[in-house]
Amino acid sequence: MRIGIFGGSFNPVHSGHVGIAEKAIADLRLDKILFIPAKVNPFKVGTSGTDVPGGLADSMRWELVRRVAEMNPKFEAWDVELRRAEGPSYAIDTVRAAAARFPGAELFYIIGEDNVAKLPFWKDYETLRTLCTFVPYPRTRESSTEIRRRLVSGESITDLVPPCVAAALSTT
């Protein structure tokens, strides 16, 4: 089995995330890709969830990821990081949890290409790189920051998010 691990703040999840996930499924012949919202990104402490202007609560980020997961049978929302105790969401912990959940699976960790240079600074990187293959993808034109700005100012976000996300955010 080939499993993609796709973590992030997803504040909110947008069409760029969906596009990367679909491309990863095709490129890597994945059986499944896990969308995993971070509780606290260790490199963005104080900038996830409601800590940022217009930021979304964990429960809303989770709800949006769940809705996106319904778009493709190979997508799955996994709340492993949101269920953890306080503190940063470390990739090593998530990868170990995925390895335990999918014994024998080949794990691929999907990251933005801007994070490649930072990998050696990730917690337990040397061990982590033996447990999974990192696969970088370029960032997309969509931006969670821009989406939050538009939400705060009452502008449309329909060109940046899947319809299920736009519908959910229009009711908040």
N, C-alpha and C. Protein backbone atom coordinates (compact mmCIF):
# COMPACT_ATOMS: atom_id res chain seq x y z
N MET A 1 0.86 -1.18 0.00
CA MET A 1 0.00 0.00 0.00
C MET A 1 0.90 1.24 0.00
N ARG A 2 0.48 2.25 -0.73
CA ARG A 2 1.22 3.51 -0.84
C ARG A 2 0.35 4.63 -0.27
N ILE A 3 0.84 5.26 0.78
CA ILE A 3 0.08 6.27 1.52
C ILE A 3 0.78 7.61 1.46
N GLY A 4 0.03 8.65 1.09
CA GLY A 4 0.52 10.01 1.13
C GLY A 4 0.12 10.66 2.44
N ILE A 5 1.04 11.38 3.04
CA ILE A 5 0.78 12.12 4.27
C ILE A 5 0.87 13.60 3.90
N PHE A 6 -0.24 14.30 4.07
CA PHE A 6 -0.32 15.70 3.66
C PHE A 6 -0.79 16.51 4.86
N GLY A 7 0.16 17.05 5.59
CA GLY A 7 -0.17 17.85 6.76
C GLY A 7 -0.09 19.33 6.47
N GLY A 8 -0.71 20.09 7.33
CA GLY A 8 -0.65 21.54 7.18
C GLY A 8 -1.63 22.22 8.10
N SER A 9 -1.54 23.52 8.14
CA SER A 9 -2.48 24.29 8.96
C SER A 9 -3.88 24.21 8.38
N PHE A 10 -3.99 24.17 7.07
CA PHE A 10 -5.29 24.12 6.39
C PHE A 10 -6.24 25.15 7.01
N ASN A 11 -5.80 26.40 6.97
CA ASN A 11 -6.50 27.48 7.67
C ASN A 11 -6.92 28.58 6.70
N PRO A 12 -7.83 28.26 5.74
CA PRO A 12 -8.54 27.01 5.51
C PRO A 12 -7.88 26.19 4.39
N VAL A 13 -8.37 24.96 4.24
CA VAL A 13 -7.99 24.12 3.11
C VAL A 13 -8.53 24.79 1.85
N HIS A 14 -7.75 24.74 0.75
CA HIS A 14 -8.17 25.43 -0.47
C HIS A 14 -7.92 24.58 -1.71
N SER A 15 -8.29 25.11 -2.85
CA SER A 15 -8.19 24.38 -4.11
C SER A 15 -6.75 23.99 -4.44
N GLY A 16 -5.79 24.79 -4.03
CA GLY A 16 -4.39 24.43 -4.25
C GLY A 16 -4.02 23.16 -3.51
N HIS A 17 -4.49 23.01 -2.28
CA HIS A 17 -4.24 21.78 -1.52
C HIS A 17 -4.84 20.58 -2.25
N VAL A 18 -6.06 20.74 -2.73
CA VAL A 18 -6.75 19.66 -3.44
C VAL A 18 -5.97 19.29 -4.70
N GLY A 19 -5.52 20.29 -5.44
CA GLY A 19 -4.74 20.03 -6.65
C GLY A 19 -3.45 19.28 -6.38
N ILE A 20 -2.74 19.67 -5.33
CA ILE A 20 -1.50 18.99 -4.96
C ILE A 20 -1.80 17.54 -4.58
N ALA A 21 -2.85 17.32 -3.81
CA ALA A 21 -3.22 15.96 -3.40
C ALA A 21 -3.54 15.10 -4.62
N GLU A 22 -4.30 15.65 -5.55
CA GLU A 22 -4.65 14.89 -6.76
C GLU A 22 -3.42 14.59 -7.60
N LYS A 23 -2.51 15.55 -7.70
CA LYS A 23 -1.28 15.35 -8.45
C LYS A 23 -0.41 14.29 -7.77
N ALA A 24 -0.32 14.34 -6.45
CA ALA A 24 0.47 13.35 -5.71
C ALA A 24 -0.09 11.94 -5.92
N ILE A 25 -1.41 11.82 -5.89
CA ILE A 25 -2.04 10.51 -6.12
C ILE A 25 -1.61 9.96 -7.49
N ALA A 26 -1.65 10.80 -8.50
CA ALA A 26 -1.29 10.37 -9.85
C ALA A 26 0.22 10.12 -9.97
N ASP A 27 1.02 11.07 -9.51
CA ASP A 27 2.48 10.97 -9.66
C ASP A 27 3.05 9.76 -8.92
N LEU A 28 2.55 9.52 -7.71
CA LEU A 28 3.13 8.51 -6.82
C LEU A 28 2.34 7.21 -6.79
N ARG A 29 1.24 7.17 -7.55
CA ARG A 29 0.36 6.01 -7.57
C ARG A 29 -0.10 5.65 -6.14
N LEU A 30 -0.58 6.66 -5.45
CA LEU A 30 -1.00 6.47 -4.06
C LEU A 30 -2.33 5.74 -3.98
N ASP A 31 -2.45 4.91 -2.97
CA ASP A 31 -3.73 4.27 -2.67
C ASP A 31 -4.61 5.20 -1.85
N LYS A 32 -3.96 6.10 -1.11
CA LYS A 32 -4.70 6.99 -0.22
C LYS A 32 -3.80 8.17 0.12
N ILE A 33 -4.41 9.34 0.31
CA ILE A 33 -3.67 10.49 0.83
C ILE A 33 -4.42 11.01 2.05
N LEU A 34 -3.68 11.17 3.12
CA LEU A 34 -4.25 11.61 4.39
C LEU A 34 -4.09 13.12 4.55
N PHE A 35 -5.18 13.82 4.68
CA PHE A 35 -5.16 15.26 4.98
C PHE A 35 -5.13 15.37 6.50
N ILE A 36 -4.07 15.96 7.05
CA ILE A 36 -3.88 16.00 8.49
C ILE A 36 -3.70 17.44 8.96
N PRO A 37 -4.76 18.05 9.50
CA PRO A 37 -4.60 19.41 10.02
C PRO A 37 -3.71 19.41 11.26
N ALA A 38 -2.75 20.33 11.28
CA ALA A 38 -1.82 20.45 12.41
C ALA A 38 -2.50 21.12 13.59
N LYS A 39 -2.21 20.64 14.77
CA LYS A 39 -2.66 21.32 15.99
C LYS A 39 -1.85 22.62 16.13
N VAL A 40 -0.51 22.46 16.18
CA VAL A 40 0.40 23.61 16.25
C VAL A 40 1.62 23.27 15.39
N ASN A 41 1.80 24.00 14.30
CA ASN A 41 2.98 23.81 13.46
C ASN A 41 4.19 24.30 14.25
N PRO A 42 5.23 23.46 14.44
CA PRO A 42 6.37 23.88 15.24
C PRO A 42 7.12 25.07 14.67
N PHE A 43 6.98 25.33 13.37
CA PHE A 43 7.64 26.48 12.77
C PHE A 43 6.74 27.70 12.68
N LYS A 44 5.48 27.53 13.12
CA LYS A 44 4.52 28.64 13.05
C LYS A 44 3.80 28.79 14.38
N VAL A 45 4.50 28.58 15.49
CA VAL A 45 3.86 28.71 16.80
C VAL A 45 3.26 30.11 16.90
N GLY A 46 1.99 30.16 17.27
CA GLY A 46 1.30 31.44 17.39
C GLY A 46 0.71 31.93 16.08
N THR A 47 0.73 31.09 15.03
CA THR A 47 0.19 31.55 13.74
C THR A 47 -0.81 30.58 13.14
N SER A 48 -1.26 29.60 13.90
CA SER A 48 -2.24 28.68 13.34
C SER A 48 -3.57 28.86 14.07
N GLY A 49 -4.61 28.23 13.51
CA GLY A 49 -5.92 28.32 14.15
C GLY A 49 -6.38 29.75 14.28
N THR A 50 -6.93 30.08 15.43
CA THR A 50 -7.49 31.42 15.65
C THR A 50 -6.43 32.43 16.08
N ASP A 51 -5.15 32.02 16.10
CA ASP A 51 -4.08 32.94 16.49
C ASP A 51 -3.77 33.97 15.40
N VAL A 52 -4.28 33.76 14.20
CA VAL A 52 -4.03 34.69 13.10
C VAL A 52 -5.31 35.44 12.77
N PRO A 53 -5.20 36.65 12.22
CA PRO A 53 -6.41 37.40 11.87
C PRO A 53 -7.31 36.60 10.93
N GLY A 54 -8.54 36.43 11.31
CA GLY A 54 -9.49 35.69 10.50
C GLY A 54 -9.29 34.18 10.56
N GLY A 55 -8.38 33.73 11.41
CA GLY A 55 -8.08 32.30 11.51
C GLY A 55 -9.26 31.50 12.02
N LEU A 56 -9.26 30.23 11.67
CA LEU A 56 -10.37 29.35 11.99
C LEU A 56 -10.04 28.46 13.20
N ALA A 57 -11.04 28.17 13.98
CA ALA A 57 -10.89 27.26 15.11
C ALA A 57 -10.55 25.87 14.60
N ASP A 58 -9.90 25.08 15.45
CA ASP A 58 -9.56 23.70 15.08
C ASP A 58 -10.78 22.94 14.58
N SER A 59 -11.90 23.12 15.25
CA SER A 59 -13.11 22.38 14.88
C SER A 59 -13.57 22.74 13.46
N MET A 60 -13.43 23.99 13.06
CA MET A 60 -13.82 24.40 11.71
C MET A 60 -12.81 23.91 10.68
N ARG A 61 -11.51 23.99 11.00
CA ARG A 61 -10.50 23.48 10.07
C ARG A 61 -10.73 21.99 9.83
N TRP A 62 -11.05 21.26 10.91
CA TRP A 62 -11.33 19.83 10.80
C TRP A 62 -12.56 19.58 9.93
N GLU A 63 -13.61 20.34 10.16
CA GLU A 63 -14.85 20.17 9.39
C GLU A 63 -14.59 20.40 7.89
N LEU A 64 -13.81 21.42 7.57
CA LEU A 64 -13.52 21.72 6.16
C LEU A 64 -12.69 20.61 5.52
N VAL A 65 -11.70 20.10 6.25
CA VAL A 65 -10.88 19.00 5.72
C VAL A 65 -11.74 17.76 5.53
N ARG A 66 -12.65 17.50 6.44
CA ARG A 66 -13.56 16.36 6.29
C ARG A 66 -14.41 16.50 5.03
N ARG A 67 -14.89 17.71 4.78
CA ARG A 67 -15.70 17.94 3.57
C ARG A 67 -14.88 17.72 2.30
N VAL A 68 -13.65 18.21 2.31
CA VAL A 68 -12.78 18.03 1.15
C VAL A 68 -12.48 16.55 0.93
N ALA A 69 -12.31 15.80 2.01
CA ALA A 69 -12.02 14.37 1.89
C ALA A 69 -13.14 13.61 1.19
N GLU A 70 -14.34 14.14 1.24
CA GLU A 70 -15.48 13.49 0.58
C GLU A 70 -15.45 13.69 -0.94
N MET A 71 -14.55 14.54 -1.43
CA MET A 71 -14.49 14.84 -2.86
C MET A 71 -13.83 13.73 -3.68
N ASN A 72 -13.04 12.88 -3.05
CA ASN A 72 -12.28 11.88 -3.79
C ASN A 72 -12.16 10.64 -2.90
N PRO A 73 -12.46 9.47 -3.43
CA PRO A 73 -12.39 8.26 -2.60
C PRO A 73 -10.98 7.94 -2.08
N LYS A 74 -9.96 8.54 -2.67
CA LYS A 74 -8.59 8.33 -2.18
C LYS A 74 -8.17 9.37 -1.15
N PHE A 75 -9.02 10.34 -0.89
CA PHE A 75 -8.75 11.34 0.15
C PHE A 75 -9.29 10.81 1.47
N GLU A 76 -8.56 11.07 2.55
CA GLU A 76 -9.05 10.75 3.88
C GLU A 76 -8.62 11.85 4.84
N ALA A 77 -9.53 12.32 5.64
CA ALA A 77 -9.21 13.27 6.71
C ALA A 77 -8.81 12.46 7.94
N TRP A 78 -7.72 12.88 8.57
CA TRP A 78 -7.24 12.18 9.76
C TRP A 78 -6.90 13.22 10.81
N ASP A 79 -7.51 13.12 11.96
CA ASP A 79 -7.36 14.12 13.02
C ASP A 79 -6.29 13.75 14.06
N VAL A 80 -5.32 12.95 13.68
CA VAL A 80 -4.30 12.46 14.60
C VAL A 80 -3.57 13.60 15.31
N GLU A 81 -3.29 14.69 14.62
CA GLU A 81 -2.58 15.80 15.26
C GLU A 81 -3.52 16.66 16.10
N LEU A 82 -4.73 16.83 15.66
CA LEU A 82 -5.69 17.63 16.44
C LEU A 82 -6.03 16.95 17.76
N ARG A 83 -5.95 15.63 17.82
CA ARG A 83 -6.27 14.89 19.05
C ARG A 83 -5.11 14.84 20.03
N ARG A 84 -3.92 15.24 19.60
CA ARG A 84 -2.76 15.20 20.50
C ARG A 84 -2.90 16.25 21.59
N ALA A 85 -2.17 16.02 22.66
CA ALA A 85 -2.13 17.00 23.75
C ALA A 85 -1.52 18.29 23.22
N GLU A 86 -1.53 19.28 24.06
CA GLU A 86 -0.96 20.58 23.66
C GLU A 86 0.48 20.43 23.19
N GLY A 87 0.94 21.42 22.49
CA GLY A 87 2.31 21.41 21.99
C GLY A 87 2.34 21.26 20.49
N PRO A 88 3.52 21.41 19.91
CA PRO A 88 3.66 21.34 18.46
C PRO A 88 3.33 19.97 17.88
N SER A 89 2.91 19.98 16.63
CA SER A 89 2.63 18.75 15.87
C SER A 89 3.91 18.40 15.11
N TYR A 90 4.61 17.40 15.58
CA TYR A 90 5.85 17.00 14.92
C TYR A 90 5.59 15.90 13.89
N ALA A 91 6.21 16.06 12.72
CA ALA A 91 6.05 15.09 11.64
C ALA A 91 6.47 13.69 12.08
N ILE A 92 7.52 13.58 12.87
CA ILE A 92 8.00 12.27 13.30
C ILE A 92 6.90 11.49 14.02
N ASP A 93 6.13 12.18 14.86
CA ASP A 93 5.04 11.52 15.59
C ASP A 93 3.93 11.08 14.64
N THR A 94 3.63 11.93 13.68
CA THR A 94 2.57 11.62 12.71
C THR A 94 2.98 10.46 11.81
N VAL A 95 4.21 10.47 11.35
CA VAL A 95 4.68 9.39 10.48
C VAL A 95 4.70 8.07 11.25
N ARG A 96 5.13 8.09 12.50
CA ARG A 96 5.11 6.86 13.30
C ARG A 96 3.68 6.37 13.49
N ALA A 97 2.74 7.28 13.70
CA ALA A 97 1.33 6.89 13.85
C ALA A 97 0.81 6.29 12.54
N ALA A 98 1.18 6.88 11.41
CA ALA A 98 0.75 6.35 10.11
C ALA A 98 1.36 4.97 9.86
N ALA A 99 2.63 4.78 10.24
CA ALA A 99 3.28 3.48 10.07
C ALA A 99 2.59 2.42 10.92
N ALA A 100 2.14 2.81 12.11
CA ALA A 100 1.43 1.86 12.98
C ALA A 100 0.03 1.55 12.43
N ARG A 101 -0.60 2.55 11.86
CA ARG A 101 -1.96 2.37 11.33
C ARG A 101 -1.95 1.57 10.03
N PHE A 102 -0.89 1.74 9.24
CA PHE A 102 -0.78 1.06 7.95
C PHE A 102 0.52 0.25 7.91
N PRO A 103 0.59 -0.84 8.67
CA PRO A 103 1.84 -1.62 8.73
C PRO A 103 2.29 -2.07 7.34
N GLY A 104 3.57 -1.87 7.08
CA GLY A 104 4.14 -2.29 5.80
C GLY A 104 3.90 -1.33 4.65
N ALA A 105 3.14 -0.27 4.86
CA ALA A 105 2.86 0.68 3.78
C ALA A 105 4.10 1.51 3.48
N GLU A 106 4.19 1.92 2.23
CA GLU A 106 5.22 2.87 1.83
C GLU A 106 4.63 4.26 2.05
N LEU A 107 5.33 5.09 2.84
CA LEU A 107 4.81 6.39 3.23
C LEU A 107 5.52 7.51 2.47
N PHE A 108 4.72 8.43 1.95
CA PHE A 108 5.23 9.58 1.22
C PHE A 108 4.72 10.85 1.91
N TYR A 109 5.64 11.70 2.33
CA TYR A 109 5.29 12.93 3.04
C TYR A 109 5.30 14.07 2.03
N ILE A 110 4.13 14.64 1.78
CA ILE A 110 3.96 15.70 0.80
C ILE A 110 4.26 17.04 1.47
N ILE A 111 5.21 17.80 0.89
CA ILE A 111 5.57 19.10 1.46
C ILE A 111 5.65 20.15 0.35
N GLY A 112 5.57 21.40 0.75
CA GLY A 112 5.81 22.50 -0.18
C GLY A 112 7.30 22.57 -0.49
N GLU A 113 7.65 22.85 -1.73
CA GLU A 113 9.06 22.86 -2.09
C GLU A 113 9.86 23.90 -1.30
N ASP A 114 9.18 24.91 -0.76
CA ASP A 114 9.87 25.91 0.05
C ASP A 114 10.32 25.34 1.40
N ASN A 115 9.83 24.16 1.76
CA ASN A 115 10.22 23.53 3.03
C ASN A 115 11.41 22.59 2.92
N VAL A 116 11.86 22.29 1.72
CA VAL A 116 12.94 21.32 1.54
C VAL A 116 14.19 21.75 2.31
N ALA A 117 14.57 23.00 2.22
CA ALA A 117 15.78 23.49 2.90
C ALA A 117 15.65 23.42 4.42
N LYS A 118 14.42 23.41 4.93
CA LYS A 118 14.19 23.37 6.37
C LYS A 118 14.16 21.95 6.94
N LEU A 119 14.09 20.93 6.08
CA LEU A 119 13.96 19.55 6.55
C LEU A 119 15.01 19.15 7.58
N PRO A 120 16.28 19.49 7.41
CA PRO A 120 17.27 19.08 8.41
C PRO A 120 17.00 19.64 9.81
N PHE A 121 16.14 20.64 9.91
CA PHE A 121 15.81 21.24 11.20
C PHE A 121 14.56 20.64 11.83
N TRP A 122 13.91 19.72 11.13
CA TRP A 122 12.72 19.06 11.67
C TRP A 122 13.15 18.11 12.78
N LYS A 123 12.30 17.95 13.75
CA LYS A 123 12.58 17.07 14.89
C LYS A 123 12.87 15.65 14.39
N ASP A 124 13.97 15.08 14.86
CA ASP A 124 14.37 13.71 14.53
C ASP A 124 14.42 13.46 13.03
N TYR A 125 14.92 14.43 12.29
CA TYR A 125 14.94 14.34 10.82
C TYR A 125 15.64 13.09 10.32
N GLU A 126 16.77 12.74 10.90
CA GLU A 126 17.52 11.58 10.41
C GLU A 126 16.68 10.31 10.50
N THR A 127 15.93 10.15 11.59
CA THR A 127 15.04 8.99 11.72
C THR A 127 13.86 9.14 10.77
N LEU A 128 13.29 10.33 10.71
CA LEU A 128 12.12 10.60 9.89
C LEU A 128 12.36 10.22 8.43
N ARG A 129 13.51 10.57 7.91
CA ARG A 129 13.77 10.30 6.49
C ARG A 129 13.97 8.82 6.19
N THR A 130 14.14 8.01 7.23
CA THR A 130 14.19 6.56 7.01
C THR A 130 12.80 5.93 7.02
N LEU A 131 11.82 6.68 7.54
CA LEU A 131 10.46 6.17 7.67
C LEU A 131 9.55 6.55 6.51
N CYS A 132 9.93 7.61 5.80
CA CYS A 132 9.08 8.10 4.71
C CYS A 132 9.94 8.73 3.63
N THR A 133 9.33 8.92 2.48
CA THR A 133 9.97 9.64 1.37
C THR A 133 9.33 11.01 1.28
N PHE A 134 10.15 12.04 1.32
CA PHE A 134 9.62 13.40 1.18
C PHE A 134 9.44 13.73 -0.29
N VAL A 135 8.28 14.27 -0.62
CA VAL A 135 7.97 14.64 -2.00
C VAL A 135 7.53 16.10 -2.03
N PRO A 136 8.38 16.97 -2.56
CA PRO A 136 8.03 18.39 -2.60
C PRO A 136 7.19 18.75 -3.83
N TYR A 137 6.26 19.68 -3.61
CA TYR A 137 5.46 20.24 -4.70
C TYR A 137 5.52 21.76 -4.60
N PRO A 138 5.46 22.44 -5.76
CA PRO A 138 5.46 23.90 -5.72
C PRO A 138 4.18 24.44 -5.08
N ARG A 139 4.33 25.57 -4.43
CA ARG A 139 3.15 26.25 -3.88
C ARG A 139 2.25 26.69 -5.02
N THR A 140 0.96 26.81 -4.72
CA THR A 140 0.00 27.21 -5.74
C THR A 140 -0.37 28.68 -5.57
N ARG A 141 -1.15 29.19 -6.50
CA ARG A 141 -1.56 30.60 -6.43
C ARG A 141 -2.51 30.85 -5.27
N GLU A 142 -3.18 29.81 -4.83
CA GLU A 142 -4.12 29.98 -3.71
C GLU A 142 -3.34 30.21 -2.42
N SER A 143 -3.91 31.00 -1.54
CA SER A 143 -3.24 31.32 -0.28
C SER A 143 -4.28 31.38 0.83
N SER A 144 -4.01 30.64 1.89
CA SER A 144 -4.93 30.68 3.04
C SER A 144 -5.00 32.09 3.62
N THR A 145 -3.87 32.81 3.60
CA THR A 145 -3.84 34.19 4.09
C THR A 145 -4.79 35.06 3.27
N GLU A 146 -4.75 34.92 1.96
CA GLU A 146 -5.64 35.70 1.08
C GLU A 146 -7.09 35.32 1.31
N ILE A 147 -7.35 34.04 1.50
CA ILE A 147 -8.72 33.60 1.74
C ILE A 147 -9.25 34.21 3.04
N ARG A 148 -8.43 34.19 4.10
CA ARG A 148 -8.86 34.79 5.38
C ARG A 148 -9.09 36.29 5.23
N ARG A 149 -8.21 36.96 4.47
CA ARG A 149 -8.38 38.40 4.25
C ARG A 149 -9.70 38.68 3.55
N ARG A 150 -10.00 37.89 2.53
CA ARG A 150 -11.26 38.07 1.80
C ARG A 150 -12.46 37.79 2.70
N LEU A 151 -12.37 36.76 3.51
CA LEU A 151 -13.48 36.44 4.42
C LEU A 151 -13.77 37.60 5.36
N VAL A 152 -12.70 38.17 5.93
CA VAL A 152 -12.85 39.29 6.87
C VAL A 152 -13.47 40.50 6.17
N SER A 153 -13.08 40.73 4.90
CA SER A 153 -13.59 41.90 4.19
C SER A 153 -14.88 41.63 3.43
N GLY A 154 -15.40 40.40 3.52
CA GLY A 154 -16.66 40.08 2.87
C GLY A 154 -16.56 39.83 1.38
N GLU A 155 -15.35 39.62 0.87
CA GLU A 155 -15.16 39.35 -0.56
C GLU A 155 -15.38 37.87 -0.87
N SER A 156 -15.61 37.57 -2.11
CA SER A 156 -15.82 36.19 -2.56
C SER A 156 -14.53 35.38 -2.47
N ILE A 157 -14.68 34.11 -2.12
CA ILE A 157 -13.54 33.18 -2.09
C ILE A 157 -13.76 32.01 -3.05
N THR A 158 -14.82 32.07 -3.83
CA THR A 158 -15.20 30.92 -4.66
C THR A 158 -14.14 30.54 -5.69
N ASP A 159 -13.26 31.46 -6.07
CA ASP A 159 -12.21 31.13 -7.04
C ASP A 159 -11.00 30.48 -6.37
N LEU A 160 -11.00 30.38 -5.04
CA LEU A 160 -9.83 29.87 -4.32
C LEU A 160 -10.09 28.58 -3.55
N VAL A 161 -11.35 28.23 -3.35
CA VAL A 161 -11.68 27.06 -2.52
C VAL A 161 -12.70 26.18 -3.23
N PRO A 162 -12.72 24.87 -2.89
CA PRO A 162 -13.76 24.01 -3.44
C PRO A 162 -15.14 24.48 -2.98
N PRO A 163 -16.18 24.20 -3.75
CA PRO A 163 -17.53 24.63 -3.38
C PRO A 163 -17.95 24.20 -1.97
N CYS A 164 -17.54 23.00 -1.53
CA CYS A 164 -17.94 22.55 -0.20
C CYS A 164 -17.32 23.41 0.90
N VAL A 165 -16.13 23.96 0.66
CA VAL A 165 -15.48 24.85 1.63
C VAL A 165 -16.15 26.22 1.59
N ALA A 166 -16.42 26.72 0.40
CA ALA A 166 -17.09 28.02 0.27
C ALA A 166 -18.44 28.00 0.95
N ALA A 167 -19.18 26.92 0.75
CA ALA A 167 -20.51 26.80 1.38
C ALA A 167 -20.41 26.80 2.89
N ALA A 168 -19.48 26.06 3.43
CA ALA A 168 -19.33 25.99 4.89
C ALA A 168 -18.89 27.33 5.47
N LEU A 169 -18.01 28.01 4.79
CA LEU A 169 -17.51 29.29 5.32
C LEU A 169 -18.53 30.42 5.14
N SER A 170 -19.45 30.26 4.21
CA SER A 170 -20.46 31.30 4.02
C SER A 170 -21.49 31.30 5.14
N THR A 171 -21.53 30.21 5.90
CA THR A 171 -22.49 30.11 7.00
C THR A 171 -21.89 30.48 8.35
N THR A 172 -20.58 30.84 8.36
CA THR A 172 -19.93 31.19 9.65
C THR A 172 -20.01 32.66 9.91
